[in-house]
Amino acid sequence: ARSLRSLGQAAQGQSEYKRAVEFLEESLILYKEIEGNVGAAMSLCFLGRAEADRGNLDKATKLVKDGFSIFQEMGNKWGVAWCFECLASVALYRDRAKQAVRLFGAAEALRDAAGVPVAHADRVEYDKEVAAVRSKLGNEKFSALWAEGRSISIEEAIEYALE
């Protein structure tokens, strides 16, 4: 299951989104069979990102929210923060820059509280997305919305993310 998820991530990194979806769907099936909740949640979120890259934004949102629910039930703060970032990515595709930056800010606050930085493997894509939203909004508006996202409670952030 993990190998298939890794193959899906690699295919996504090479912009081979159809292949990525195929690998990630297989990974998800296997994780569900072995009751690998963290793995299933991760596969759902990666699958959501791949579907967003393919332009299937409603499907992407549903998949990430499904992964989010698993992480939330487990009390996995890293996973919840990552889902905020995945939903921020989908918001960018939807041209909802304000929503994206608030979610990125909320994710950063949760990561800081949990002591879990953005993974090295995700840093380039993360920085690219944050730079894109900063460019759309300008520094002043970006900073204000980022601070707003950082300041809301985890409950408020979850409610906001699931709207």
Protein backbone atom coordinates (compact mmCIF):
# COMPACT_ATOMS: atom_id res chain seq x y z
CA ALA A 1 0.00 0.00 0.00
CA ARG A 2 2.82 2.38 0.91
CA SER A 3 4.73 1.57 -2.28
CA LEU A 4 1.66 2.28 -4.40
CA ARG A 5 1.16 5.57 -2.57
CA SER A 6 4.80 6.47 -3.24
CA LEU A 7 4.39 5.59 -6.92
CA GLY A 8 1.32 7.82 -7.00
CA GLN A 9 3.26 10.67 -5.45
CA ALA A 10 6.07 10.19 -7.95
CA ALA A 11 3.65 10.15 -10.89
CA GLN A 12 2.01 13.31 -9.58
CA GLY A 13 5.41 14.97 -9.27
CA GLN A 14 5.97 14.20 -12.95
CA SER A 15 2.55 15.68 -13.87
CA GLU A 16 1.25 12.22 -14.79
CA TYR A 17 -2.02 12.78 -12.96
CA LYS A 18 -3.99 9.90 -14.48
CA ARG A 19 -1.31 7.41 -13.41
CA ALA A 20 -1.08 9.09 -10.02
CA VAL A 21 -4.80 8.62 -9.47
CA GLU A 22 -4.59 4.94 -10.48
CA PHE A 23 -1.75 4.20 -8.04
CA LEU A 24 -3.35 6.18 -5.22
CA GLU A 25 -6.74 4.51 -5.68
CA GLU A 26 -5.05 1.09 -5.45
CA SER A 27 -3.16 2.23 -2.38
CA LEU A 28 -6.36 3.39 -0.73
CA ILE A 29 -8.07 0.04 -1.34
CA LEU A 30 -5.18 -1.82 0.30
CA TYR A 31 -5.01 0.54 3.27
CA LYS A 32 -8.73 0.07 3.87
CA GLU A 33 -8.31 -3.71 3.74
CA ILE A 34 -5.58 -3.67 6.39
CA GLU A 35 -7.27 -0.93 8.44
CA GLY A 36 -4.30 1.38 8.00
CA ASN A 37 -6.04 4.59 9.01
CA VAL A 38 -3.08 6.96 8.67
CA GLY A 39 -2.13 5.43 5.34
CA ALA A 40 -5.72 5.60 4.09
CA ALA A 41 -6.02 9.24 5.17
CA MET A 42 -2.74 10.09 3.44
CA SER A 43 -3.81 8.29 0.27
CA LEU A 44 -7.14 10.16 0.29
CA CYS A 45 -5.35 13.50 0.57
CA PHE A 46 -2.78 12.70 -2.10
CA LEU A 47 -5.61 11.47 -4.31
CA GLY A 48 -7.43 14.74 -3.67
CA ARG A 49 -4.39 16.73 -4.72
CA ALA A 50 -4.02 14.63 -7.88
CA GLU A 51 -7.69 15.16 -8.74
CA ALA A 52 -7.25 18.91 -8.18
CA ASP A 53 -4.30 18.86 -10.57
CA ARG A 54 -6.61 17.18 -13.11
CA GLY A 55 -9.23 19.89 -12.61
CA ASN A 56 -11.70 17.71 -10.69
CA LEU A 57 -12.10 20.19 -7.85
CA ASP A 58 -15.33 18.91 -6.30
CA LYS A 59 -13.94 15.38 -6.19
CA ALA A 60 -10.65 16.71 -4.82
CA THR A 61 -12.42 18.56 -2.03
CA LYS A 62 -14.44 15.49 -1.05
CA LEU A 63 -11.38 13.23 -0.99
CA VAL A 64 -9.35 15.63 1.15
CA LYS A 65 -12.28 16.12 3.53
CA ASP A 66 -12.60 12.32 3.86
CA GLY A 67 -8.91 12.10 4.75
CA PHE A 68 -9.33 15.05 7.09
CA SER A 69 -12.13 13.24 8.96
CA ILE A 70 -9.87 10.25 9.60
CA PHE A 71 -7.01 12.43 10.86
CA GLN A 72 -9.42 14.40 13.05
CA GLU A 73 -10.93 11.23 14.59
CA MET A 74 -7.42 10.03 15.39
CA GLY A 75 -6.42 13.35 16.94
CA ASN A 76 -3.55 13.53 14.45
CA LYS A 77 -2.63 17.24 14.42
CA TRP A 78 0.01 16.84 11.73
CA GLY A 79 -2.58 15.24 9.46
CA VAL A 80 -5.17 17.92 10.18
CA ALA A 81 -2.63 20.66 9.38
CA TRP A 82 -1.66 18.90 6.16
CA CYS A 83 -5.33 18.66 5.16
CA PHE A 84 -5.67 22.41 5.75
CA GLU A 85 -2.79 22.83 3.28
CA CYS A 86 -4.38 20.43 0.78
CA LEU A 87 -7.67 22.34 1.00
CA ALA A 88 -5.73 25.59 0.58
CA SER A 89 -4.29 24.16 -2.65
CA VAL A 90 -7.78 23.35 -3.91
CA ALA A 91 -8.89 26.88 -2.93
CA LEU A 92 -6.08 28.24 -5.12
CA TYR A 93 -7.37 26.22 -8.07
CA ARG A 94 -10.80 27.70 -7.39
CA ASP A 95 -9.26 31.19 -7.39
CA ARG A 96 -10.16 31.66 -3.71
CA ALA A 97 -6.92 33.24 -2.58
CA LYS A 98 -8.34 34.64 0.68
CA GLN A 99 -9.58 31.22 1.75
CA ALA A 100 -6.26 29.64 0.77
CA VAL A 101 -4.13 32.04 2.80
CA ARG A 102 -6.33 31.68 5.91
CA LEU A 103 -6.03 27.90 5.66
CA PHE A 104 -2.25 28.11 5.19
CA GLY A 105 -2.08 30.36 8.27
CA ALA A 106 -4.22 27.97 10.33
CA ALA A 107 -2.06 25.05 9.21
CA GLU A 108 1.12 26.86 10.22
CA ALA A 109 -0.28 27.64 13.68
CA LEU A 110 -1.27 24.01 14.19
CA ARG A 111 2.10 22.77 12.94
CA ASP A 112 3.88 25.18 15.30
CA ALA A 113 1.77 23.98 18.25
CA ALA A 114 2.45 20.34 17.37
CA GLY A 115 6.15 20.95 16.63
CA VAL A 116 5.84 19.46 13.14
CA PRO A 117 7.20 21.55 10.25
CA VAL A 118 6.27 21.10 6.60
CA ALA A 119 8.00 17.95 5.36
CA HIS A 120 11.16 18.52 3.37
CA ALA A 121 9.66 16.59 0.43
CA ASP A 122 6.67 18.96 0.40
CA ARG A 123 8.57 22.21 0.95
CA VAL A 124 9.09 23.21 -2.71
CA GLU A 125 5.42 22.80 -3.63
CA TYR A 126 4.32 24.46 -0.39
CA ASP A 127 6.58 27.47 -0.96
CA LYS A 128 5.38 27.74 -4.56
CA GLU A 129 1.72 27.78 -3.50
CA VAL A 130 2.30 30.29 -0.70
CA ALA A 131 4.21 32.55 -3.11
CA ALA A 132 1.36 32.30 -5.64
CA VAL A 133 -1.25 33.38 -3.12
CA ARG A 134 1.01 36.17 -1.82
CA SER A 135 1.45 37.40 -5.39
CA LYS A 136 -2.32 37.42 -5.96
CA LEU A 137 -3.14 39.34 -2.80
CA GLY A 138 -0.09 41.55 -2.26
CA ASN A 139 2.05 41.52 0.88
CA GLU A 140 -0.20 43.62 3.11
CA LYS A 141 -3.45 41.73 2.51
CA PHE A 142 -1.61 38.39 2.52
CA SER A 143 0.00 39.13 5.89
CA ALA A 144 -3.29 40.23 7.45
CA LEU A 145 -5.14 37.12 6.26
CA TRP A 146 -2.26 34.83 7.26
CA ALA A 147 -2.33 36.32 10.77
CA GLU A 148 -6.10 35.86 10.84
CA GLY A 149 -5.71 32.18 9.93
CA ARG A 150 -3.04 31.73 12.59
CA SER A 151 -5.20 33.34 15.27
CA ILE A 152 -8.39 31.30 14.92
CA SER A 153 -8.98 28.32 17.19
CA ILE A 154 -8.51 24.81 15.87
CA GLU A 155 -12.29 24.33 16.08
CA GLU A 156 -12.89 27.48 14.02
CA ALA A 157 -10.24 26.42 11.51
CA ILE A 158 -11.84 22.99 11.15
CA GLU A 159 -15.27 24.54 10.64
CA TYR A 160 -13.81 26.97 8.09
CA ALA A 161 -11.97 24.19 6.26
CA LEU A 162 -15.08 22.05 6.00
CA GLU A 163 -17.37 24.80 4.63
